[in-house]
Amino acid sequence: MTDVRPVEALRALAHPMRMRILGSLRLDGPATSAILARRLTTDSGQTSHHLRMLHKHGFVDEAPELGRGVRGRERWWKAAQPTTTLPGQGDELMTALNRAAHAVWSDLAETFHAQDWPAPWQEAAGFGDQAIRTTPEGLAALRAEVRRVIDEHDLGPDAPGAETVVLAVQAYPYRTAE
């Protein structure tokens, strides 16, 4: 994200539709604004606008190698990075970003529950929480280890019987309200 202040980039990302677009490009692959509009049940004008904002701040790149269509007007887009990891800052912008991320994750969970998945997938999927006591350094090490374990369990796109699974990992200190 060169020539852009991180705050501006975060502000651009702190919109549920932009997060959904970025997620779709990562999970479903490169697309045009029209393809994204169909995937996300919106219109291509909206997706075009949001793609330009994401591109301006380095979250998506054009994918000219995928072609320009018969009239030379198609613009293909792809995610610029495989993941987005942000520090858990407590300012107003991070609060907006967290709200947008939670809305997208909630949509993913609702979509899973609305679909007819086989019993093994229903039993394996889910969420949970666990409280631990650690230091900032310990939490950073834990997050790095979780990323390593996730990478270890990624079977790749051609693994038989494998499906794409979205993991939302959150880790925040907690204090009891007094």
C-alpha atoms as a PDB file:
ATOM      1  CA  MET A   1       0.000   0.000   0.000  1.00  0.00           C
ATOM      2  CA  THR A   2       2.401   2.642  -1.169  1.00  0.00           C
ATOM      3  CA  ASP A   3       1.637   6.361  -1.178  1.00  0.00           C
ATOM      4  CA  VAL A   4      -1.389   5.822   1.071  1.00  0.00           C
ATOM      5  CA  ARG A   5      -1.592   6.427   4.785  1.00  0.00           C
ATOM      6  CA  PRO A   6      -2.644   3.279   6.673  1.00  0.00           C
ATOM      7  CA  VAL A   7      -5.636   5.129   8.173  1.00  0.00           C
ATOM      8  CA  GLU A   8      -6.997   5.869   4.701  1.00  0.00           C
ATOM      9  CA  ALA A   9      -6.542   2.236   3.667  1.00  0.00           C
ATOM     10  CA  LEU A  10      -8.353   1.003   6.777  1.00  0.00           C
ATOM     11  CA  ARG A  11     -11.157   3.484   6.189  1.00  0.00           C
ATOM     12  CA  ALA A  12     -11.520   2.123   2.641  1.00  0.00           C
ATOM     13  CA  LEU A  13     -11.684  -1.439   3.934  1.00  0.00           C
ATOM     14  CA  ALA A  14     -14.130  -0.632   6.783  1.00  0.00           C
ATOM     15  CA  HIS A  15     -17.198  -1.208   4.603  1.00  0.00           C
ATOM     16  CA  PRO A  16     -19.068  -4.539   4.598  1.00  0.00           C
ATOM     17  CA  MET A  17     -19.483  -4.629   0.799  1.00  0.00           C
ATOM     18  CA  ARG A  18     -15.770  -3.998   0.259  1.00  0.00           C
ATOM     19  CA  MET A  19     -14.926  -6.774   2.700  1.00  0.00           C
ATOM     20  CA  ARG A  20     -17.364  -9.088   0.902  1.00  0.00           C
ATOM     21  CA  ILE A  21     -15.808  -8.210  -2.475  1.00  0.00           C
ATOM     22  CA  LEU A  22     -12.286  -8.815  -1.177  1.00  0.00           C
ATOM     23  CA  GLY A  23     -13.392 -12.067   0.438  1.00  0.00           C
ATOM     24  CA  SER A  24     -15.056 -13.246  -2.776  1.00  0.00           C
ATOM     25  CA  LEU A  25     -11.936 -12.497  -4.812  1.00  0.00           C
ATOM     26  CA  ARG A  26      -9.895 -14.530  -2.329  1.00  0.00           C
ATOM     27  CA  LEU A  27     -12.326 -17.416  -1.943  1.00  0.00           C
ATOM     28  CA  ASP A  28     -14.066 -17.628  -5.323  1.00  0.00           C
ATOM     29  CA  GLY A  29     -11.247 -16.301  -7.488  1.00  0.00           C
ATOM     30  CA  PRO A  30     -10.723 -13.368  -9.839  1.00  0.00           C
ATOM     31  CA  ALA A  31     -13.793 -11.685 -11.324  1.00  0.00           C
ATOM     32  CA  THR A  32     -15.178  -8.716 -13.190  1.00  0.00           C
ATOM     33  CA  SER A  33     -17.523  -6.269 -11.477  1.00  0.00           C
ATOM     34  CA  ALA A  34     -20.460  -7.996 -13.224  1.00  0.00           C
ATOM     35  CA  ILE A  35     -19.409 -11.420 -11.933  1.00  0.00           C
ATOM     36  CA  LEU A  36     -18.984 -10.008  -8.428  1.00  0.00           C
ATOM     37  CA  ALA A  37     -22.410  -8.367  -8.634  1.00  0.00           C
ATOM     38  CA  ARG A  38     -23.966 -11.772  -9.378  1.00  0.00           C
ATOM     39  CA  ARG A  39     -21.949 -13.492  -6.628  1.00  0.00           C
ATOM     40  CA  LEU A  40     -22.907 -10.882  -4.040  1.00  0.00           C
ATOM     41  CA  THR A  41     -26.442 -10.101  -5.270  1.00  0.00           C
ATOM     42  CA  THR A  42     -25.810  -6.430  -5.925  1.00  0.00           C
ATOM     43  CA  ASP A  43     -25.270  -4.355  -9.069  1.00  0.00           C
ATOM     44  CA  SER A  44     -22.090  -3.952 -11.093  1.00  0.00           C
ATOM     45  CA  GLY A  45     -22.059  -0.169 -10.582  1.00  0.00           C
ATOM     46  CA  GLN A  46     -21.666  -0.685  -6.833  1.00  0.00           C
ATOM     47  CA  THR A  47     -19.046  -3.375  -7.248  1.00  0.00           C
ATOM     48  CA  SER A  48     -17.105  -1.197  -9.734  1.00  0.00           C
ATOM     49  CA  HIS A  49     -17.054   1.704  -7.266  1.00  0.00           C
ATOM     50  CA  HIS A  50     -15.904  -0.487  -4.387  1.00  0.00           C
ATOM     51  CA  LEU A  51     -13.284  -2.218  -6.563  1.00  0.00           C
ATOM     52  CA  ARG A  52     -11.773   1.164  -7.462  1.00  0.00           C
ATOM     53  CA  MET A  53     -11.552   2.065  -3.761  1.00  0.00           C
ATOM     54  CA  LEU A  54      -9.974  -1.282  -2.881  1.00  0.00           C
ATOM     55  CA  HIS A  55      -7.522  -0.918  -5.773  1.00  0.00           C
ATOM     56  CA  LYS A  56      -6.560   2.629  -4.765  1.00  0.00           C
ATOM     57  CA  HIS A  57      -5.493   1.321  -1.352  1.00  0.00           C
ATOM     58  CA  GLY A  58      -3.708  -1.826  -2.545  1.00  0.00           C
ATOM     59  CA  PHE A  59      -6.231  -4.503  -1.536  1.00  0.00           C
ATOM     60  CA  VAL A  60      -7.038  -5.635  -5.113  1.00  0.00           C
ATOM     61  CA  ASP A  61      -5.103  -5.656  -8.382  1.00  0.00           C
ATOM     62  CA  GLU A  62      -6.216  -5.728 -11.976  1.00  0.00           C
ATOM     63  CA  ALA A  63      -5.814  -9.131 -13.644  1.00  0.00           C
ATOM     64  CA  PRO A  64      -5.259  -8.306 -17.333  1.00  0.00           C
ATOM     65  CA  GLU A  65      -3.921 -11.814 -17.925  1.00  0.00           C
ATOM     66  CA  LEU A  66      -7.527 -13.039 -17.675  1.00  0.00           C
ATOM     67  CA  GLY A  67      -8.560 -11.118 -20.785  1.00  0.00           C
ATOM     68  CA  ARG A  68     -10.553  -8.068 -21.693  1.00  0.00           C
ATOM     69  CA  GLY A  69     -13.601  -9.695 -23.298  1.00  0.00           C
ATOM     70  CA  VAL A  70     -14.737  -9.567 -26.908  1.00  0.00           C
ATOM     71  CA  ARG A  71     -15.091  -5.776 -26.892  1.00  0.00           C
ATOM     72  CA  GLY A  72     -11.939  -5.134 -24.878  1.00  0.00           C
ATOM     73  CA  ARG A  73     -13.900  -3.598 -22.015  1.00  0.00           C
ATOM     74  CA  GLU A  74     -13.891  -6.275 -19.320  1.00  0.00           C
ATOM     75  CA  ARG A  75     -11.759  -5.476 -16.297  1.00  0.00           C
ATOM     76  CA  TRP A  76     -10.765  -8.506 -14.255  1.00  0.00           C
ATOM     77  CA  TRP A  77      -9.752  -8.105 -10.614  1.00  0.00           C
ATOM     78  CA  LYS A  78      -7.950 -10.310  -8.090  1.00  0.00           C
ATOM     79  CA  ALA A  79      -7.020 -10.022  -4.420  1.00  0.00           C
ATOM     80  CA  ALA A  80      -3.597  -8.419  -3.978  1.00  0.00           C
ATOM     81  CA  GLN A  81      -2.739 -10.488  -0.869  1.00  0.00           C
ATOM     82  CA  PRO A  82      -3.985 -13.862   0.403  1.00  0.00           C
ATOM     83  CA  THR A  83      -4.974 -12.417   3.809  1.00  0.00           C
ATOM     84  CA  THR A  84      -5.421  -9.165   5.684  1.00  0.00           C
ATOM     85  CA  THR A  85      -4.097  -9.056   9.232  1.00  0.00           C
ATOM     86  CA  LEU A  86      -4.628  -5.925  11.270  1.00  0.00           C
ATOM     87  CA  PRO A  87      -3.600  -4.976  14.796  1.00  0.00           C
ATOM     88  CA  GLY A  88      -6.464  -4.676  17.272  1.00  0.00           C
ATOM     89  CA  GLN A  89      -6.306  -0.931  17.842  1.00  0.00           C
ATOM     90  CA  GLY A  90      -9.118   0.617  19.841  1.00  0.00           C
ATOM     91  CA  ASP A  91      -9.753   3.818  17.916  1.00  0.00           C
ATOM     92  CA  GLU A  92     -12.971   4.751  16.094  1.00  0.00           C
ATOM     93  CA  LEU A  93     -11.714   3.530  12.717  1.00  0.00           C
ATOM     94  CA  MET A  94     -10.764   0.101  14.049  1.00  0.00           C
ATOM     95  CA  THR A  95     -14.190  -0.125  15.709  1.00  0.00           C
ATOM     96  CA  ALA A  96     -15.841   0.507  12.326  1.00  0.00           C
ATOM     97  CA  LEU A  97     -13.547  -2.052  10.684  1.00  0.00           C
ATOM     98  CA  ASN A  98     -14.355  -4.618  13.358  1.00  0.00           C
ATOM     99  CA  ARG A  99     -18.105  -4.018  12.914  1.00  0.00           C
ATOM    100  CA  ALA A 100     -17.823  -4.517   9.159  1.00  0.00           C
ATOM    101  CA  ALA A 101     -15.774  -7.700   9.634  1.00  0.00           C
ATOM    102  CA  HIS A 102     -18.287  -9.102  12.124  1.00  0.00           C
ATOM    103  CA  ALA A 103     -21.140  -8.424   9.678  1.00  0.00           C
ATOM    104  CA  VAL A 104     -19.301 -10.334   6.947  1.00  0.00           C
ATOM    105  CA  TRP A 105     -18.439 -13.240   9.282  1.00  0.00           C
ATOM    106  CA  SER A 106     -22.032 -13.380  10.492  1.00  0.00           C
ATOM    107  CA  ASP A 107     -23.214 -13.587   6.867  1.00  0.00           C
ATOM    108  CA  LEU A 108     -20.802 -16.485   6.274  1.00  0.00           C
ATOM    109  CA  ALA A 109     -22.163 -18.380   9.282  1.00  0.00           C
ATOM    110  CA  GLU A 110     -25.777 -17.736   8.270  1.00  0.00           C
ATOM    111  CA  THR A 111     -25.050 -18.926   4.731  1.00  0.00           C
ATOM    112  CA  PHE A 112     -23.522 -22.135   6.106  1.00  0.00           C
ATOM    113  CA  HIS A 113     -26.568 -22.803   8.285  1.00  0.00           C
ATOM    114  CA  ALA A 114     -28.968 -22.065   5.398  1.00  0.00           C
ATOM    115  CA  GLN A 115     -27.290 -24.598   3.113  1.00  0.00           C
ATOM    116  CA  ASP A 116     -27.631 -28.371   3.171  1.00  0.00           C
ATOM    117  CA  TRP A 117     -24.198 -29.598   4.267  1.00  0.00           C
ATOM    118  CA  PRO A 118     -23.530 -33.305   4.955  1.00  0.00           C
ATOM    119  CA  ALA A 119     -23.423 -34.374   8.602  1.00  0.00           C
ATOM    120  CA  PRO A 120     -19.588 -34.611   8.819  1.00  0.00           C
ATOM    121  CA  TRP A 121     -19.284 -30.944   7.792  1.00  0.00           C
ATOM    122  CA  GLN A 122     -22.060 -29.898  10.180  1.00  0.00           C
ATOM    123  CA  GLU A 123     -20.294 -31.695  13.047  1.00  0.00           C
ATOM    124  CA  ALA A 124     -16.850 -30.261  12.186  1.00  0.00           C
ATOM    125  CA  ALA A 125     -17.947 -26.630  11.734  1.00  0.00           C
ATOM    126  CA  GLY A 126     -18.673 -24.270  14.588  1.00  0.00           C
ATOM    127  CA  PHE A 127     -17.287 -21.660  16.894  1.00  0.00           C
ATOM    128  CA  GLY A 128     -16.112 -21.346  20.439  1.00  0.00           C
ATOM    129  CA  ASP A 129     -14.128 -19.275  22.846  1.00  0.00           C
ATOM    130  CA  GLN A 130     -11.537 -19.810  25.501  1.00  0.00           C
ATOM    131  CA  ALA A 131     -10.024 -17.399  27.997  1.00  0.00           C
ATOM    132  CA  ILE A 132      -6.312 -17.615  28.770  1.00  0.00           C
ATOM    133  CA  ARG A 133      -3.872 -15.453  30.721  1.00  0.00           C
ATOM    134  CA  THR A 134      -0.855 -14.216  28.775  1.00  0.00           C
ATOM    135  CA  THR A 135       1.313 -11.205  27.995  1.00  0.00           C
ATOM    136  CA  PRO A 136       1.336  -9.103  24.793  1.00  0.00           C
ATOM    137  CA  GLU A 137       4.389 -11.069  23.644  1.00  0.00           C
ATOM    138  CA  GLY A 138       2.653 -14.341  24.482  1.00  0.00           C
ATOM    139  CA  LEU A 139      -0.453 -13.286  22.536  1.00  0.00           C
ATOM    140  CA  ALA A 140       1.650 -12.323  19.496  1.00  0.00           C
ATOM    141  CA  ALA A 141       3.395 -15.717  19.662  1.00  0.00           C
ATOM    142  CA  LEU A 142       0.037 -17.499  19.977  1.00  0.00           C
ATOM    143  CA  ARG A 143      -1.345 -15.694  16.914  1.00  0.00           C
ATOM    144  CA  ALA A 144       1.778 -16.630  14.930  1.00  0.00           C
ATOM    145  CA  GLU A 145       1.390 -20.262  16.000  1.00  0.00           C
ATOM    146  CA  VAL A 146      -2.302 -20.263  15.019  1.00  0.00           C
ATOM    147  CA  ARG A 147      -1.327 -18.961  11.550  1.00  0.00           C
ATOM    148  CA  ARG A 148       1.290 -21.746  11.291  1.00  0.00           C
ATOM    149  CA  VAL A 149      -1.249 -24.418  12.266  1.00  0.00           C
ATOM    150  CA  ILE A 150      -3.792 -23.032   9.799  1.00  0.00           C
ATOM    151  CA  ASP A 151      -1.186 -23.170   7.015  1.00  0.00           C
ATOM    152  CA  GLU A 152      -0.339 -26.752   8.005  1.00  0.00           C
ATOM    153  CA  HIS A 153      -3.988 -27.811   7.603  1.00  0.00           C
ATOM    154  CA  ASP A 154      -4.552 -26.085   4.248  1.00  0.00           C
ATOM    155  CA  LEU A 155      -4.753 -29.006   1.806  1.00  0.00           C
ATOM    156  CA  GLY A 156      -4.820 -26.868  -1.320  1.00  0.00           C
ATOM    157  CA  PRO A 157      -7.363 -26.523  -4.113  1.00  0.00           C
ATOM    158  CA  ASP A 158      -7.039 -30.055  -5.545  1.00  0.00           C
ATOM    159  CA  ALA A 159      -7.411 -32.106  -2.346  1.00  0.00           C
ATOM    160  CA  PRO A 160     -10.175 -34.719  -2.748  1.00  0.00           C
ATOM    161  CA  GLY A 161     -13.192 -34.033  -0.539  1.00  0.00           C
ATOM    162  CA  ALA A 162     -11.810 -30.689   0.639  1.00  0.00           C
ATOM    163  CA  GLU A 163     -13.979 -27.565   0.787  1.00  0.00           C
ATOM    164  CA  THR A 164     -12.994 -23.947   1.370  1.00  0.00           C
ATOM    165  CA  VAL A 165     -13.294 -23.140   5.081  1.00  0.00           C
ATOM    166  CA  VAL A 166     -13.215 -19.576   6.399  1.00  0.00           C
ATOM    167  CA  LEU A 167     -11.565 -19.102   9.791  1.00  0.00           C
ATOM    168  CA  ALA A 168     -12.071 -15.878  11.731  1.00  0.00           C
ATOM    169  CA  VAL A 169      -9.507 -15.724  14.525  1.00  0.00           C
ATOM    170  CA  GLN A 170      -9.883 -13.009  17.139  1.00  0.00           C
ATOM    171  CA  ALA A 171      -7.836 -12.368  20.238  1.00  0.00           C
ATOM    172  CA  TYR A 172      -8.446  -9.433  22.579  1.00  0.00           C
ATOM    173  CA  PRO A 173      -7.556  -8.718  26.195  1.00  0.00           C
ATOM    174  CA  TYR A 174     -10.571  -8.599  28.512  1.00  0.00           C
ATOM    175  CA  ARG A 175     -11.189  -6.779  31.760  1.00  0.00           C
ATOM    176  CA  THR A 176     -14.149  -7.311  34.003  1.00  0.00           C
ATOM    177  CA  ALA A 177     -16.416  -4.254  34.095  1.00  0.00           C
ATOM    178  CA  GLU A 178     -16.528  -2.904  37.604  1.00  0.00           C
END
